[in-house]
Structure formats: C-alpha cells, structure tokens
Amino acid sequence: EKNLVKTEMSDLEKRCTALRGIFDYSAKVEKIEAIEKKLSDPEIWKNNSLMEQLSKEKSSLEKVTQPLDGLVVKLKDTEELFSLALLASPSI
C-alpha cells in the first residue's frame, strides 16, 4: 500500500508541474513581481488609473498562481505526513 501511495503522490507532482506549464505559471509569477515592483514606487500612487489597472492585473494573475501554489504546498505537506507515518509505523 505504501508503494501505491508513493506512486500516487509522484503522479500528483507530475500533474502539478503540467498544470504550471499549461497555465504559464512562471511567466505569471514574473509579471506579478514586475507589477509589485511598480506598485512599490510611491510615484505610482499619483496616477490612480494606472495604480488601479496594475492592481487588477495583479489580482487576475494571482487567481491562477495562488491555487497552484496551494496545491504544491498541500502535496508537500502530505508527503511529509506520510513519511512521518512510515517512521512511526513502518508496516503501513
């Protein structure tokens, strides 16, 4: 059974990687970072329409990246818990 669980977790990792590719995750993260840099400039706050546009764009990008980040974190947490369970009870 533990081999089945390990296989399933490996499959889920591959699916997460595939989803990141499908949704162009890396480009979205880079764009978010560029927007955050622009938004950190105090001068941007003088241009309400640009600030609002950048904030909306960032929010839109985060609607894609945050769920993918959440999947990766949950998968890693599950792998760690499974490893701990195996240490506590190797016969699982």
C-alpha atoms as a PDB file:
ATOM      1  CA  GLU A   1       0.000   0.000   0.000  1.00  0.00           C
ATOM      2  CA  LYS A   2       2.797   2.444   0.765  1.00  0.00           C
ATOM      3  CA  ASN A   3       4.172   1.967  -2.747  1.00  0.00           C
ATOM      4  CA  LEU A   4       0.737   2.800  -4.144  1.00  0.00           C
ATOM      5  CA  VAL A   5       0.625   5.978  -2.065  1.00  0.00           C
ATOM      6  CA  LYS A   6       4.128   6.953  -3.191  1.00  0.00           C
ATOM      7  CA  THR A   7       3.156   6.322  -6.818  1.00  0.00           C
ATOM      8  CA  GLU A   8       0.021   8.436  -6.453  1.00  0.00           C
ATOM      9  CA  MET A   9       1.963  11.288  -4.861  1.00  0.00           C
ATOM     10  CA  SER A  10       4.535  11.144  -7.641  1.00  0.00           C
ATOM     11  CA  ASP A  11       1.721  11.279 -10.194  1.00  0.00           C
ATOM     12  CA  LEU A  12       0.233  14.298  -8.441  1.00  0.00           C
ATOM     13  CA  GLU A  13       3.606  16.076  -8.534  1.00  0.00           C
ATOM     14  CA  LYS A  14       3.786  15.477 -12.276  1.00  0.00           C
ATOM     15  CA  ARG A  15       0.254  16.818 -12.702  1.00  0.00           C
ATOM     16  CA  CYS A  16       1.112  19.960 -10.708  1.00  0.00           C
ATOM     17  CA  THR A  17       4.133  20.506 -12.929  1.00  0.00           C
ATOM     18  CA  ALA A  18       1.974  20.012 -16.023  1.00  0.00           C
ATOM     19  CA  LEU A  19      -0.620  22.475 -14.737  1.00  0.00           C
ATOM     20  CA  ARG A  20       2.086  25.065 -14.147  1.00  0.00           C
ATOM     21  CA  GLY A  21       3.140  24.649 -17.759  1.00  0.00           C
ATOM     22  CA  ILE A  22      -0.405  24.787 -19.109  1.00  0.00           C
ATOM     23  CA  PHE A  23      -1.158  27.978 -17.211  1.00  0.00           C
ATOM     24  CA  ASP A  24       2.255  29.531 -17.948  1.00  0.00           C
ATOM     25  CA  TYR A  25       2.903  29.813 -14.234  1.00  0.00           C
ATOM     26  CA  SER A  26       6.483  31.117 -14.452  1.00  0.00           C
ATOM     27  CA  ALA A  27       5.540  33.993 -16.744  1.00  0.00           C
ATOM     28  CA  LYS A  28       2.648  34.926 -14.474  1.00  0.00           C
ATOM     29  CA  VAL A  29       4.883  34.943 -11.392  1.00  0.00           C
ATOM     30  CA  GLU A  30       7.416  37.138 -13.198  1.00  0.00           C
ATOM     31  CA  LYS A  31       4.637  39.518 -14.231  1.00  0.00           C
ATOM     32  CA  ILE A  32       3.337  39.668 -10.641  1.00  0.00           C
ATOM     33  CA  GLU A  33       6.839  40.518  -9.411  1.00  0.00           C
ATOM     34  CA  ALA A  34       7.175  43.264 -12.027  1.00  0.00           C
ATOM     35  CA  ILE A  35       3.797  44.706 -11.050  1.00  0.00           C
ATOM     36  CA  GLU A  36       4.707  44.598  -7.357  1.00  0.00           C
ATOM     37  CA  LYS A  37       7.903  46.494  -8.145  1.00  0.00           C
ATOM     38  CA  LYS A  38       5.909  49.159  -9.987  1.00  0.00           C
ATOM     39  CA  LEU A  39       3.359  49.357  -7.171  1.00  0.00           C
ATOM     40  CA  SER A  40       6.125  49.860  -4.619  1.00  0.00           C
ATOM     41  CA  ASP A  41       7.110  53.111  -6.332  1.00  0.00           C
ATOM     42  CA  PRO A  42       5.465  55.986  -4.415  1.00  0.00           C
ATOM     43  CA  GLU A  43       5.023  57.908  -7.668  1.00  0.00           C
ATOM     44  CA  ILE A  44       2.571  55.297  -8.980  1.00  0.00           C
ATOM     45  CA  TRP A  45       0.070  56.329  -6.324  1.00  0.00           C
ATOM     46  CA  LYS A  46      -0.259  59.696  -8.003  1.00  0.00           C
ATOM     47  CA  ASN A  47      -1.790  58.016 -11.056  1.00  0.00           C
ATOM     48  CA  ASN A  48      -4.977  56.391  -9.783  1.00  0.00           C
ATOM     49  CA  SER A  49      -5.981  54.824 -13.083  1.00  0.00           C
ATOM     50  CA  LEU A  50      -2.577  53.171 -13.590  1.00  0.00           C
ATOM     51  CA  MET A  51      -2.489  52.000  -9.986  1.00  0.00           C
ATOM     52  CA  GLU A  52      -5.965  50.520 -10.343  1.00  0.00           C
ATOM     53  CA  GLN A  53      -5.069  48.839 -13.651  1.00  0.00           C
ATOM     54  CA  LEU A  54      -1.922  47.277 -12.175  1.00  0.00           C
ATOM     55  CA  SER A  55      -3.753  46.136  -9.059  1.00  0.00           C
ATOM     56  CA  LYS A  56      -6.464  44.461 -11.146  1.00  0.00           C
ATOM     57  CA  GLU A  57      -3.900  42.783 -13.369  1.00  0.00           C
ATOM     58  CA  LYS A  58      -2.002  41.502 -10.331  1.00  0.00           C
ATOM     59  CA  SER A  59      -5.203  40.184  -8.801  1.00  0.00           C
ATOM     60  CA  SER A  60      -6.129  38.427 -12.028  1.00  0.00           C
ATOM     61  CA  LEU A  61      -2.721  36.753 -12.251  1.00  0.00           C
ATOM     62  CA  GLU A  62      -2.853  35.690  -8.607  1.00  0.00           C
ATOM     63  CA  LYS A  63      -6.161  33.930  -9.239  1.00  0.00           C
ATOM     64  CA  VAL A  64      -4.130  31.481 -11.313  1.00  0.00           C
ATOM     65  CA  THR A  65      -0.874  31.290  -9.353  1.00  0.00           C
ATOM     66  CA  GLN A  66      -2.198  31.075  -5.793  1.00  0.00           C
ATOM     67  CA  PRO A  67      -4.276  27.905  -6.273  1.00  0.00           C
ATOM     68  CA  LEU A  68      -1.298  26.237  -7.978  1.00  0.00           C
ATOM     69  CA  ASP A  69       0.953  27.294  -5.097  1.00  0.00           C
ATOM     70  CA  GLY A  70      -1.623  25.883  -2.685  1.00  0.00           C
ATOM     71  CA  LEU A  71      -1.640  22.529  -4.459  1.00  0.00           C
ATOM     72  CA  VAL A  72       2.134  22.261  -4.241  1.00  0.00           C
ATOM     73  CA  VAL A  73       2.159  23.152  -0.538  1.00  0.00           C
ATOM     74  CA  LYS A  74      -0.593  20.649   0.258  1.00  0.00           C
ATOM     75  CA  LEU A  75       1.167  17.924  -1.687  1.00  0.00           C
ATOM     76  CA  LYS A  76       4.469  18.564   0.117  1.00  0.00           C
ATOM     77  CA  ASP A  77       2.667  18.580   3.472  1.00  0.00           C
ATOM     78  CA  THR A  78       1.008  15.267   2.600  1.00  0.00           C
ATOM     79  CA  GLU A  79       4.357  13.746   1.604  1.00  0.00           C
ATOM     80  CA  GLU A  80       5.900  14.867   4.898  1.00  0.00           C
ATOM     81  CA  LEU A  81       2.999  13.484   6.925  1.00  0.00           C
ATOM     82  CA  PHE A  82       3.206  10.206   5.043  1.00  0.00           C
ATOM     83  CA  SER A  83       6.962   9.992   5.751  1.00  0.00           C
ATOM     84  CA  LEU A  84       6.303  10.631   9.435  1.00  0.00           C
ATOM     85  CA  ALA A  85       3.609   7.954   9.460  1.00  0.00           C
ATOM     86  CA  LEU A  86       6.059   5.490   7.927  1.00  0.00           C
ATOM     87  CA  LEU A  87       8.634   6.319  10.608  1.00  0.00           C
ATOM     88  CA  ALA A  88       6.070   5.806  13.331  1.00  0.00           C
ATOM     89  CA  SER A  89       4.705   2.613  11.813  1.00  0.00           C
ATOM     90  CA  PRO A  90       6.909   1.103   9.100  1.00  0.00           C
ATOM     91  CA  SER A  91       4.406  -1.669   8.436  1.00  0.00           C
ATOM     92  CA  ILE A  92       1.925   0.755   6.824  1.00  0.00           C
END
